[in-house]
C-alpha atoms as a PDB file:
ATOM      1  CA  MET A   1      38.617 155.462 117.458  1.00  0.00           C
ATOM      2  CA  LYS A   2      39.952 156.799 120.712  1.00  0.00           C
ATOM      3  CA  ARG A   3      37.710 158.369 123.269  1.00  0.00           C
ATOM      4  CA  PHE A   4      37.277 161.926 124.574  1.00  0.00           C
ATOM      5  CA  THR A   5      36.573 163.904 127.503  1.00  0.00           C
ATOM      6  CA  CYS A   6      34.955 167.650 128.022  1.00  0.00           C
ATOM      7  CA  PRO A   7      38.034 169.649 128.693  1.00  0.00           C
ATOM      8  CA  THR A   8      36.011 171.648 131.569  1.00  0.00           C
ATOM      9  CA  CYS A   9      34.486 169.446 133.952  1.00  0.00           C
ATOM     10  CA  ALA A  10      35.928 165.852 132.483  1.00  0.00           C
ATOM     11  CA  ASN A  11      33.091 163.962 131.538  1.00  0.00           C
ATOM     12  CA  GLU A  12      33.149 161.559 128.656  1.00  0.00           C
ATOM     13  CA  VAL A  13      31.866 162.743 125.153  1.00  0.00           C
ATOM     14  CA  HIS A  14      31.678 161.625 122.283  1.00  0.00           C
ATOM     15  CA  PHE A  15      32.944 162.334 118.532  1.00  0.00           C
ATOM     16  CA  ARG A  16      29.888 163.783 117.031  1.00  0.00           C
ATOM     17  CA  ASN A  17      29.150 166.194 120.228  1.00  0.00           C
ATOM     18  CA  GLN A  18      29.039 169.643 120.256  1.00  0.00           C
ATOM     19  CA  SER A  19      28.614 169.853 123.332  1.00  0.00           C
ATOM     20  CA  CYS A  20      29.303 168.451 126.894  1.00  0.00           C
ATOM     21  CA  VAL A  21      25.583 166.843 128.052  1.00  0.00           C
ATOM     22  CA  ASN A  22      27.300 167.536 131.455  1.00  0.00           C
ATOM     23  CA  CYS A  23      28.281 171.090 131.990  1.00  0.00           C
ATOM     24  CA  GLY A  24      27.198 172.535 128.377  1.00  0.00           C
ATOM     25  CA  THR A  25      30.840 173.388 127.596  1.00  0.00           C
ATOM     26  CA  ARG A  26      30.137 173.830 123.600  1.00  0.00           C
ATOM     27  CA  LEU A  27      33.167 171.436 122.182  1.00  0.00           C
ATOM     28  CA  GLY A  28      35.521 172.130 119.557  1.00  0.00           C
ATOM     29  CA  PHE A  29      37.422 168.828 117.908  1.00  0.00           C
ATOM     30  CA  ASP A  30      40.569 169.395 117.207  1.00  0.00           C
ATOM     31  CA  ALA A  31      41.781 167.273 114.497  1.00  0.00           C
ATOM     32  CA  ASN A  32      45.839 168.247 114.651  1.00  0.00           C
ATOM     33  CA  ALA A  33      46.030 167.523 118.341  1.00  0.00           C
ATOM     34  CA  MET A  34      42.986 164.825 118.422  1.00  0.00           C
ATOM     35  CA  THR A  35      41.206 165.801 121.217  1.00  0.00           C
ATOM     36  CA  MET A  36      38.262 167.545 122.314  1.00  0.00           C
ATOM     37  CA  ARG A  37      38.525 172.266 123.296  1.00  0.00           C
ATOM     38  CA  ALA A  38      36.395 174.443 124.373  1.00  0.00           C
ATOM     39  CA  ALA A  39      34.916 177.028 121.944  1.00  0.00           C
ATOM     40  CA  GLY A  40      35.164 180.062 122.229  1.00  0.00           C
ATOM     41  CA  GLY A  41      37.915 183.378 121.832  1.00  0.00           C
ATOM     42  CA  ASP A  42      40.421 182.153 119.584  1.00  0.00           C
ATOM     43  CA  VAL A  43      39.121 178.501 119.441  1.00  0.00           C
ATOM     44  CA  VAL A  44      36.773 178.767 116.622  1.00  0.00           C
ATOM     45  CA  LEU A  45      34.179 176.127 115.311  1.00  0.00           C
ATOM     46  CA  CYS A  46      34.317 175.616 111.462  1.00  0.00           C
ATOM     47  CA  ALA A  47      31.862 177.437 109.039  1.00  0.00           C
ATOM     48  CA  ASN A  48      29.707 174.866 108.715  1.00  0.00           C
ATOM     49  CA  ALA A  49      28.767 174.137 112.522  1.00  0.00           C
ATOM     50  CA  GLU A  50      25.539 175.457 112.470  1.00  0.00           C
ATOM     51  CA  GLY A  51      24.297 173.551 109.359  1.00  0.00           C
ATOM     52  CA  ALA A  52      26.170 170.388 108.878  1.00  0.00           C
ATOM     53  CA  ALA A  53      26.150 170.378 112.720  1.00  0.00           C
ATOM     54  CA  CYS A  54      30.617 170.450 112.527  1.00  0.00           C
ATOM     55  CA  ASN A  55      31.925 170.349 115.511  1.00  0.00           C
ATOM     56  CA  TRP A  56      35.416 170.520 114.250  1.00  0.00           C
ATOM     57  CA  LEU A  57      38.060 173.720 114.575  1.00  0.00           C
ATOM     58  CA  ALA A  58      38.306 176.079 111.839  1.00  0.00           C
ATOM     59  CA  ILE A  59      41.716 175.659 110.141  1.00  0.00           C
ATOM     60  CA  ASP A  60      42.411 179.491 111.110  1.00  0.00           C
ATOM     61  CA  ALA A  61      40.965 181.620 114.111  1.00  0.00           C
ATOM     62  CA  LYS A  62      38.616 183.789 111.797  1.00  0.00           C
ATOM     63  CA  GLN A  63      34.424 183.432 110.852  1.00  0.00           C
ATOM     64  CA  GLY A  64      34.136 181.791 107.924  1.00  0.00           C
ATOM     65  CA  SER A  65      36.964 179.520 108.017  1.00  0.00           C
ATOM     66  CA  TYR A  66      36.241 175.518 107.061  1.00  0.00           C
ATOM     67  CA  CYS A  67      37.368 172.513 109.336  1.00  0.00           C
ATOM     68  CA  LEU A  68      40.491 169.946 108.216  1.00  0.00           C
ATOM     69  CA  ALA A  69      37.620 168.042 106.687  1.00  0.00           C
ATOM     70  CA  CYS A  70      34.751 170.637 105.112  1.00  0.00           C
ATOM     71  CA  GLN A  71      37.955 171.989 103.466  1.00  0.00           C
ATOM     72  CA  HIS A  72      37.110 169.241 100.933  1.00  0.00           C
ATOM     73  CA  ASN A  73      33.535 169.706 100.775  1.00  0.00           C
ATOM     74  CA  HIS A  74      33.095 170.579  96.527  1.00  0.00           C
ATOM     75  CA  PHE A  75      29.021 170.287  96.521  1.00  0.00           C
ATOM     76  CA  ILE A  76      26.542 170.498  98.986  1.00  0.00           C
ATOM     77  CA  PRO A  77      22.517 169.664  99.089  1.00  0.00           C
ATOM     78  CA  ASP A  78      19.894 172.243  99.258  1.00  0.00           C
ATOM     79  CA  ALA A  79      19.218 172.290 103.218  1.00  0.00           C
ATOM     80  CA  SER A  80      16.238 174.002 102.639  1.00  0.00           C
ATOM     81  CA  MET A  81      14.892 170.965 100.851  1.00  0.00           C
ATOM     82  CA  GLU A  82      12.693 168.857 103.471  1.00  0.00           C
ATOM     83  CA  GLY A  83      14.799 165.780 105.003  1.00  0.00           C
ATOM     84  CA  ASN A  84      18.000 167.331 103.360  1.00  0.00           C
ATOM     85  CA  LEU A  85      19.473 168.756 106.333  1.00  0.00           C
ATOM     86  CA  VAL A  86      19.164 165.820 108.400  1.00  0.00           C
ATOM     87  CA  ARG A  87      20.478 164.002 105.311  1.00  0.00           C
ATOM     88  CA  TRP A  88      23.560 166.410 105.265  1.00  0.00           C
ATOM     89  CA  GLN A  89      24.546 166.247 108.377  1.00  0.00           C
ATOM     90  CA  GLU A  90      24.675 162.651 108.579  1.00  0.00           C
ATOM     91  CA  VAL A  91      26.422 162.414 105.891  1.00  0.00           C
ATOM     92  CA  GLU A  92      29.026 165.049 107.552  1.00  0.00           C
ATOM     93  CA  LEU A  93      29.442 162.825 110.179  1.00  0.00           C
ATOM     94  CA  ALA A  94      30.931 160.185 108.453  1.00  0.00           C
ATOM     95  CA  LYS A  95      32.810 161.610 106.389  1.00  0.00           C
ATOM     96  CA  ARG A  96      34.270 163.468 109.417  1.00  0.00           C
ATOM     97  CA  LYS A  97      35.185 159.920 110.939  1.00  0.00           C
ATOM     98  CA  LEU A  98      36.412 158.657 107.090  1.00  0.00           C
ATOM     99  CA  ILE A  99      38.955 162.143 107.569  1.00  0.00           C
ATOM    100  CA  TYR A 100      40.106 160.997 111.404  1.00  0.00           C
ATOM    101  CA  GLY A 101      40.886 157.896 110.116  1.00  0.00           C
ATOM    102  CA  LEU A 102      43.427 159.405 107.155  1.00  0.00           C
ATOM    103  CA  MET A 103      44.805 161.549 109.409  1.00  0.00           C
ATOM    104  CA  ARG A 104      45.255 159.037 111.900  1.00  0.00           C
ATOM    105  CA  TRP A 105      48.061 157.322 109.205  1.00  0.00           C
ATOM    106  CA  HIS A 106      49.149 160.815 108.336  1.00  0.00           C
ATOM    107  CA  LEU A 107      47.987 160.215 104.978  1.00  0.00           C
ATOM    108  CA  PRO A 108      48.426 162.780 102.159  1.00  0.00           C
ATOM    109  CA  ARG A 109      45.090 164.637 101.154  1.00  0.00           C
ATOM    110  CA  PRO A 110      46.035 167.043  98.648  1.00  0.00           C
ATOM    111  CA  THR A 111      42.591 169.703  98.189  1.00  0.00           C
ATOM    112  CA  ARG A 112      41.611 170.726  94.942  1.00  0.00           C
ATOM    113  CA  ALA A 113      43.259 173.817  95.213  1.00  0.00           C
ATOM    114  CA  GLN A 114      46.361 171.947  95.686  1.00  0.00           C
ATOM    115  CA  ASN A 115      46.251 169.759  93.166  1.00  0.00           C
ATOM    116  CA  PRO A 116      43.044 170.306  90.580  1.00  0.00           C
ATOM    117  CA  ASN A 117      43.741 167.223  88.797  1.00  0.00           C
ATOM    118  CA  LEU A 118      43.212 165.006  91.287  1.00  0.00           C
ATOM    119  CA  GLY A 119      42.083 166.497  94.739  1.00  0.00           C
ATOM    120  CA  LEU A 120      40.318 165.176  97.698  1.00  0.00           C
ATOM    121  CA  ALA A 121      36.627 166.362  97.259  1.00  0.00           C
ATOM    122  CA  PHE A 122      32.769 165.379  98.277  1.00  0.00           C
ATOM    123  CA  ASP A 123      29.926 165.844  96.174  1.00  0.00           C
ATOM    124  CA  PHE A 124      27.027 165.608  98.586  1.00  0.00           C
ATOM    125  CA  LEU A 125      23.987 165.110  96.206  1.00  0.00           C
ATOM    126  CA  ALA A 126      20.198 164.329  96.307  1.00  0.00           C
ATOM    127  CA  ASP A 127      18.046 162.705  93.224  1.00  0.00           C
ATOM    128  CA  ALA A 128      16.962 165.244  90.881  1.00  0.00           C
ATOM    129  CA  GLU A 129      12.767 164.934  90.093  1.00  0.00           C
ATOM    130  CA  GLY A 130      12.084 166.288  86.932  1.00  0.00           C
ATOM    131  CA  PRO A 131       9.457 166.269  84.063  1.00  0.00           C
ATOM    132  CA  ASN A 132      10.787 162.799  83.182  1.00  0.00           C
ATOM    133  CA  GLY A 133      11.175 161.278  86.597  1.00  0.00           C
ATOM    134  CA  VAL A 134      13.618 160.930  89.078  1.00  0.00           C
ATOM    135  CA  THR A 135      17.345 161.393  87.629  1.00  0.00           C
ATOM    136  CA  PRO A 136      19.231 158.971  90.539  1.00  0.00           C
ATOM    137  CA  VAL A 137      22.887 159.949  91.954  1.00  0.00           C
ATOM    138  CA  MET A 138      25.201 157.411  91.989  1.00  0.00           C
ATOM    139  CA  THR A 139      27.747 157.454  94.727  1.00  0.00           C
ATOM    140  CA  GLY A 140      30.871 157.210  92.965  1.00  0.00           C
ATOM    141  CA  HIS A 141      34.511 158.494  92.605  1.00  0.00           C
ATOM    142  CA  GLU A 142      36.269 159.909  89.749  1.00  0.00           C
ATOM    143  CA  SER A 143      39.981 161.787  89.806  1.00  0.00           C
ATOM    144  CA  GLY A 144      39.359 162.604  93.535  1.00  0.00           C
ATOM    145  CA  LEU A 145      36.123 163.552  93.076  1.00  0.00           C
ATOM    146  CA  ILE A 146      33.521 161.389  95.781  1.00  0.00           C
ATOM    147  CA  THR A 147      29.663 161.440  94.929  1.00  0.00           C
ATOM    148  CA  ILE A 148      27.560 160.105  97.744  1.00  0.00           C
ATOM    149  CA  ASN A 149      23.566 159.887  97.343  1.00  0.00           C
ATOM    150  CA  ILE A 150      22.690 161.650 100.146  1.00  0.00           C
ATOM    151  CA  ALA A 151      19.602 159.221 100.789  1.00  0.00           C
ATOM    152  CA  GLU A 152      22.143 156.664 101.786  1.00  0.00           C
ATOM    153  CA  SER A 153      21.891 158.221 105.300  1.00  0.00           C
ATOM    154  CA  ASP A 154      18.162 157.115 105.643  1.00  0.00           C
ATOM    155  CA  ASP A 155      18.140 153.681 107.373  1.00  0.00           C
ATOM    156  CA  ASP A 156      14.847 152.783 104.741  1.00  0.00           C
ATOM    157  CA  VAL A 157      16.625 153.589 101.747  1.00  0.00           C
ATOM    158  CA  ARG A 158      20.143 151.556 102.467  1.00  0.00           C
ATOM    159  CA  VAL A 159      18.368 148.486 103.655  1.00  0.00           C
ATOM    160  CA  ALA A 160      16.130 148.595 101.176  1.00  0.00           C
ATOM    161  CA  ARG A 161      19.482 149.159  98.690  1.00  0.00           C
ATOM    162  CA  ARG A 162      21.144 146.665 100.842  1.00  0.00           C
ATOM    163  CA  THR A 163      18.359 143.651 100.373  1.00  0.00           C
ATOM    164  CA  ALA A 164      17.699 143.886  96.821  1.00  0.00           C
ATOM    165  CA  MET A 165      21.587 144.030  96.090  1.00  0.00           C
ATOM    166  CA  ASP A 166      21.737 141.272  98.554  1.00  0.00           C
ATOM    167  CA  GLU A 167      24.709 142.819 100.880  1.00  0.00           C
ATOM    168  CA  PRO A 168      25.781 141.775 104.228  1.00  0.00           C
ATOM    169  CA  TYR A 169      26.613 145.137 105.279  1.00  0.00           C
ATOM    170  CA  ARG A 170      26.052 148.835 103.885  1.00  0.00           C
ATOM    171  CA  THR A 171      27.160 151.951 105.741  1.00  0.00           C
ATOM    172  CA  LEU A 172      27.446 155.586 105.238  1.00  0.00           C
ATOM    173  CA  ILE A 173      31.007 155.215 106.388  1.00  0.00           C
ATOM    174  CA  GLY A 174      31.496 151.789 104.709  1.00  0.00           C
ATOM    175  CA  HIS A 175      30.467 154.214 101.552  1.00  0.00           C
ATOM    176  CA  MET A 176      33.493 156.960 101.897  1.00  0.00           C
ATOM    177  CA  ARG A 177      35.671 154.169 103.089  1.00  0.00           C
ATOM    178  CA  HIS A 178      35.164 152.337 100.181  1.00  0.00           C
ATOM    179  CA  GLU A 179      35.860 155.229  97.667  1.00  0.00           C
ATOM    180  CA  VAL A 180      38.151 156.410  98.992  1.00  0.00           C
ATOM    181  CA  GLY A 181      39.837 153.422  98.517  1.00  0.00           C
ATOM    182  CA  HIS A 182      39.695 154.253  94.633  1.00  0.00           C
ATOM    183  CA  PHE A 183      41.100 157.611  95.326  1.00  0.00           C
ATOM    184  CA  TYR A 184      44.493 156.441  97.182  1.00  0.00           C
ATOM    185  CA  TRP A 185      44.599 153.668  94.296  1.00  0.00           C
ATOM    186  CA  ALA A 186      44.888 156.572  91.336  1.00  0.00           C
ATOM    187  CA  LEU A 187      47.352 158.332  94.297  1.00  0.00           C
ATOM    188  CA  LEU A 188      49.172 155.763  95.620  1.00  0.00           C
ATOM    189  CA  VAL A 189      49.614 152.712  92.802  1.00  0.00           C
ATOM    190  CA  ASP A 190      48.700 154.195  89.447  1.00  0.00           C
ATOM    191  CA  ASN A 191      51.727 154.678  87.329  1.00  0.00           C
ATOM    192  CA  SER A 192      53.542 153.787  90.580  1.00  0.00           C
ATOM    193  CA  PRO A 193      56.072 150.904  91.258  1.00  0.00           C
ATOM    194  CA  GLN A 194      53.658 149.488  93.235  1.00  0.00           C
ATOM    195  CA  ILE A 195      51.564 148.629  90.094  1.00  0.00           C
ATOM    196  CA  ASP A 196      52.731 144.960  89.948  1.00  0.00           C
ATOM    197  CA  ARG A 197      52.603 143.874  93.142  1.00  0.00           C
ATOM    198  CA  TYR A 198      49.118 145.328  92.855  1.00  0.00           C
ATOM    199  CA  ARG A 199      48.254 143.262  89.771  1.00  0.00           C
ATOM    200  CA  GLU A 200      49.671 139.840  91.299  1.00  0.00           C
ATOM    201  CA  LEU A 201      47.247 140.479  94.225  1.00  0.00           C
ATOM    202  CA  PHE A 202      44.178 141.915  92.583  1.00  0.00           C
ATOM    203  CA  GLY A 203      44.469 141.175  89.012  1.00  0.00           C
ATOM    204  CA  ASP A 204      45.080 143.537  85.880  1.00  0.00           C
ATOM    205  CA  GLU A 205      42.991 147.193  86.288  1.00  0.00           C
ATOM    206  CA  ARG A 206      43.073 147.119  82.927  1.00  0.00           C
ATOM    207  CA  ALA A 207      40.242 144.532  82.122  1.00  0.00           C
ATOM    208  CA  ASP A 208      37.426 146.651  80.608  1.00  0.00           C
ATOM    209  CA  TYR A 209      35.139 148.066  83.598  1.00  0.00           C
ATOM    210  CA  SER A 210      32.090 148.599  82.444  1.00  0.00           C
ATOM    211  CA  ALA A 211      31.833 145.123  80.454  1.00  0.00           C
ATOM    212  CA  ALA A 212      32.886 143.333  84.057  1.00  0.00           C
ATOM    213  CA  LEU A 213      30.506 145.236  86.144  1.00  0.00           C
ATOM    214  CA  GLN A 214      27.843 144.254  83.609  1.00  0.00           C
ATOM    215  CA  HIS A 215      29.244 140.584  84.170  1.00  0.00           C
ATOM    216  CA  HIS A 216      29.187 140.626  87.339  1.00  0.00           C
ATOM    217  CA  TYR A 217      25.173 142.233  87.809  1.00  0.00           C
ATOM    218  CA  ASP A 218      24.460 139.770  85.312  1.00  0.00           C
ATOM    219  CA  ASN A 219      26.179 136.702  86.954  1.00  0.00           C
ATOM    220  CA  GLY A 220      27.070 137.304  90.723  1.00  0.00           C
ATOM    221  CA  ALA A 221      30.187 136.553  92.053  1.00  0.00           C
ATOM    222  CA  PRO A 222      32.017 133.267  90.844  1.00  0.00           C
ATOM    223  CA  GLN A 223      31.779 129.925  93.421  1.00  0.00           C
ATOM    224  CA  GLY A 224      33.965 130.012  96.096  1.00  0.00           C
ATOM    225  CA  TRP A 225      34.895 133.746  96.084  1.00  0.00           C
ATOM    226  CA  GLN A 226      35.046 133.389  99.671  1.00  0.00           C
ATOM    227  CA  GLN A 227      38.533 131.651  99.476  1.00  0.00           C
ATOM    228  CA  THR A 228      39.926 134.448  97.253  1.00  0.00           C
ATOM    229  CA  HIS A 229      38.033 137.823  98.177  1.00  0.00           C
ATOM    230  CA  ILE A 230      36.773 140.024 101.328  1.00  0.00           C
ATOM    231  CA  SER A 231      33.429 140.626  99.076  1.00  0.00           C
ATOM    232  CA  ALA A 232      31.210 139.466  96.307  1.00  0.00           C
ATOM    233  CA  TYR A 233      31.729 142.914  95.270  1.00  0.00           C
ATOM    234  CA  ALA A 234      35.286 142.877  95.307  1.00  0.00           C
ATOM    235  CA  THR A 235      35.207 140.126  92.530  1.00  0.00           C
ATOM    236  CA  SER A 236      33.712 142.144  90.144  1.00  0.00           C
ATOM    237  CA  HIS A 237      36.968 144.152  88.855  1.00  0.00           C
ATOM    238  CA  PRO A 238      40.516 144.959  90.283  1.00  0.00           C
ATOM    239  CA  TRP A 239      39.778 148.422  91.241  1.00  0.00           C
ATOM    240  CA  GLU A 240      36.672 147.220  93.537  1.00  0.00           C
ATOM    241  CA  ASP A 241      38.961 144.520  94.827  1.00  0.00           C
ATOM    242  CA  PHE A 242      40.929 147.249  96.175  1.00  0.00           C
ATOM    243  CA  ALA A 243      38.663 149.868  97.045  1.00  0.00           C
ATOM    244  CA  GLU A 244      36.770 147.333  99.194  1.00  0.00           C
ATOM    245  CA  THR A 245      40.129 145.976 100.808  1.00  0.00           C
ATOM    246  CA  TRP A 246      40.809 149.306 101.735  1.00  0.00           C
ATOM    247  CA  ALA A 247      37.503 150.096 103.509  1.00  0.00           C
ATOM    248  CA  HIS A 248      38.513 147.096 105.573  1.00  0.00           C
ATOM    249  CA  TRP A 249      41.637 148.119 106.769  1.00  0.00           C
ATOM    250  CA  MET A 250      40.076 151.399 107.885  1.00  0.00           C
ATOM    251  CA  HIS A 251      36.870 149.326 109.455  1.00  0.00           C
ATOM    252  CA  ILE A 252      39.496 146.876 111.035  1.00  0.00           C
ATOM    253  CA  ALA A 253      41.992 150.107 111.680  1.00  0.00           C
ATOM    254  CA  ASP A 254      39.483 152.194 113.700  1.00  0.00           C
ATOM    255  CA  GLY A 255      37.561 149.152 115.154  1.00  0.00           C
ATOM    256  CA  VAL A 256      40.467 147.875 116.991  1.00  0.00           C
ATOM    257  CA  GLU A 257      41.581 150.991 118.183  1.00  0.00           C
ATOM    258  CA  THR A 258      37.973 151.812 119.736  1.00  0.00           C
ATOM    259  CA  ALA A 259      38.686 148.088 121.540  1.00  0.00           C
ATOM    260  CA  ALA A 260      41.445 149.500 123.405  1.00  0.00           C
ATOM    261  CA  ALA A 261      40.142 152.643 124.043  1.00  0.00           C
ATOM    262  CA  TYR A 262      37.713 151.083 126.521  1.00  0.00           C
ATOM    263  CA  ALA A 263      40.231 148.434 127.554  1.00  0.00           C
ATOM    264  CA  MET A 264      38.026 145.812 126.046  1.00  0.00           C
ATOM    265  CA  SER A 265      39.513 142.039 127.225  1.00  0.00           C
ATOM    266  CA  LEU A 266      38.165 139.221 125.318  1.00  0.00           C
ATOM    267  CA  ASP A 267      39.369 135.178 126.361  1.00  0.00           C
ATOM    268  CA  GLY A 268      41.565 136.646 128.582  1.00  0.00           C
ATOM    269  CA  ARG A 269      43.600 138.698 126.413  1.00  0.00           C
ATOM    270  CA  GLN A 270      43.284 143.209 126.319  1.00  0.00           C
ATOM    271  CA  VAL A 271      43.697 143.968 123.394  1.00  0.00           C
ATOM    272  CA  THR A 272      46.292 146.919 123.131  1.00  0.00           C
ATOM    273  CA  GLU A 273      47.344 147.014 119.314  1.00  0.00           C
ATOM    274  CA  ASP A 274      47.584 150.434 117.865  1.00  0.00           C
ATOM    275  CA  ALA A 275      46.196 149.811 114.934  1.00  0.00           C
ATOM    276  CA  TYR A 276      46.970 152.869 113.179  1.00  0.00           C
ATOM    277  CA  ALA A 277      51.159 152.288 114.138  1.00  0.00           C
ATOM    278  CA  ALA A 278      51.438 148.449 113.283  1.00  0.00           C
ATOM    279  CA  LYS A 279      53.365 148.188 110.180  1.00  0.00           C
ATOM    280  CA  GLU A 280      52.588 144.518 110.421  1.00  0.00           C
ATOM    281  CA  ILE A 281      48.509 143.780 110.104  1.00  0.00           C
ATOM    282  CA  GLU A 282      48.839 140.089 111.883  1.00  0.00           C
ATOM    283  CA  PRO A 283      48.874 141.263 115.466  1.00  0.00           C
ATOM    284  CA  VAL A 284      46.004 143.632 114.103  1.00  0.00           C
ATOM    285  CA  VAL A 285      43.866 140.903 112.812  1.00  0.00           C
ATOM    286  CA  GLU A 286      44.719 138.479 116.061  1.00  0.00           C
ATOM    287  CA  ALA A 287      42.740 141.358 117.983  1.00  0.00           C
ATOM    288  CA  TRP A 288      40.121 142.590 115.810  1.00  0.00           C
ATOM    289  CA  VAL A 289      38.722 138.653 115.456  1.00  0.00           C
ATOM    290  CA  PRO A 290      37.826 137.999 118.899  1.00  0.00           C
ATOM    291  CA  VAL A 291      36.386 141.434 119.006  1.00  0.00           C
ATOM    292  CA  THR A 292      33.796 140.786 116.156  1.00  0.00           C
ATOM    293  CA  VAL A 293      32.782 137.328 117.363  1.00  0.00           C
ATOM    294  CA  ALA A 294      32.062 138.850 120.637  1.00  0.00           C
ATOM    295  CA  LEU A 295      30.196 141.224 118.796  1.00  0.00           C
ATOM    296  CA  ASN A 296      28.735 139.263 116.391  1.00  0.00           C
ATOM    297  CA  ASN A 297      26.746 137.259 118.966  1.00  0.00           C
ATOM    298  CA  MET A 298      26.026 140.147 121.000  1.00  0.00           C
ATOM    299  CA  ASN A 299      24.218 141.203 117.998  1.00  0.00           C
ATOM    300  CA  ARG A 300      22.233 138.430 117.736  1.00  0.00           C
ATOM    301  CA  ALA A 301      21.290 138.622 121.168  1.00  0.00           C
ATOM    302  CA  MET A 302      19.500 141.721 120.454  1.00  0.00           C
ATOM    303  CA  GLY A 303      18.188 140.431 117.157  1.00  0.00           C
ATOM    304  CA  GLN A 304      20.473 142.383 115.022  1.00  0.00           C
ATOM    305  CA  PRO A 305      22.963 142.138 111.983  1.00  0.00           C
ATOM    306  CA  ASP A 306      26.248 140.896 112.482  1.00  0.00           C
ATOM    307  CA  LEU A 307      28.504 144.011 113.009  1.00  0.00           C
ATOM    308  CA  TYR A 308      30.839 142.328 111.077  1.00  0.00           C
ATOM    309  CA  PRO A 309      30.107 139.693 108.562  1.00  0.00           C
ATOM    310  CA  PHE A 310      32.962 138.881 107.062  1.00  0.00           C
ATOM    311  CA  VAL A 311      36.281 136.326 106.493  1.00  0.00           C
ATOM    312  CA  LEU A 312      39.592 137.540 106.689  1.00  0.00           C
ATOM    313  CA  ASN A 313      41.187 134.506 104.114  1.00  0.00           C
ATOM    314  CA  LYS A 314      44.743 134.146 103.298  1.00  0.00           C
ATOM    315  CA  PRO A 315      44.589 135.889 100.070  1.00  0.00           C
ATOM    316  CA  VAL A 316      42.555 138.946 101.738  1.00  0.00           C
ATOM    317  CA  MET A 317      45.532 139.208 104.036  1.00  0.00           C
ATOM    318  CA  ALA A 318      47.958 139.761 101.488  1.00  0.00           C
ATOM    319  CA  LYS A 319      46.193 142.177 100.410  1.00  0.00           C
ATOM    320  CA  LEU A 320      45.783 144.155 104.117  1.00  0.00           C
ATOM    321  CA  GLN A 321      49.448 144.330 104.201  1.00  0.00           C
ATOM    322  CA  PHE A 322      49.930 145.310 101.129  1.00  0.00           C
ATOM    323  CA  ILE A 323      47.478 148.343 101.681  1.00  0.00           C
ATOM    324  CA  ASN A 324      49.205 148.444 104.700  1.00  0.00           C
ATOM    325  CA  ASP A 325      52.745 148.816 103.474  1.00  0.00           C
ATOM    326  CA  LEU A 326      50.798 151.498 100.857  1.00  0.00           C
ATOM    327  CA  ILE A 327      49.870 154.022 103.678  1.00  0.00           C
ATOM    328  CA  HIS A 328      53.083 153.589 105.529  1.00  0.00           C
ATOM    329  CA  GLY A 329      54.833 154.597 103.029  1.00  0.00           C
ATOM    330  CA  ALA A 330      53.081 157.254 101.669  1.00  0.00           C
ATOM    331  CA  ALA A 331      52.390 159.043 105.372  1.00  0.00           C
ATOM    332  CA  ILE A 332      53.668 162.742 105.965  1.00  0.00           C
ATOM    333  CA  ALA A 333      55.678 162.898 108.627  1.00  0.00           C
END
């Protein structure tokens, strides 16, 4: 991610900041210009500024207007229920990070109003307690609608689920990037000229999805999956392989942009790649791998899990290049 400064005092501010800690200026993120502005007057904050702690500018300068990220909200949690407000705010922050990346790539982001059949929308839901017990919300995607269980914003819940599912990595932004991968598969690959190349790389998505997932949960990933896939879950079905790989390309692009923004130098080489503009993935990955090695070891020094516990093998590199080609082919000028 880029670095941001306060428009009043030039102090560094962060993507989630609603105000400058140095001078107190109320901040608004201008997503079109990718910069922070001083809110007030004609610079109007999103209607979710208070409830969701959204610090993006409204699409138009009138009260009650949503921002370019919140316009995609379909259902939000009941903020009056204990704990839901904080959970919603964390989920919204992850969503804004997601939309930031999509905008950096100039990807199409049709709303439900623009495309009722496949517009991008979000349901942020909580498990429902009823007379027969708890009805859990399943995180997932269907026809452009991404559902996120807001319990995933609780560290203890997320860590417990990661441990139960033997996952090396589980985050809110990871969920967002994975599920939006399903959205872009439907938007850019399904019934397109790209489908044959997709099947060569990822497999035939016409295989029974439910049966494939059940087989994965019953038996786990096949032996040697590390040589062909980015994660164990990616082996469950070609749709999941695409979504997992899409998420990782978003991780990599944002990670390399952040390293470049802070002028990180590793082994005598400064990270300078513009990951979002790159047509070829190899230079970006060459910049990313030393960053992950350094930060993984930094995390270990602090007693934390590896920041990026994954290996980018040759088949995964080919899949990443396919996804990057899709992205640049779909970019809106």
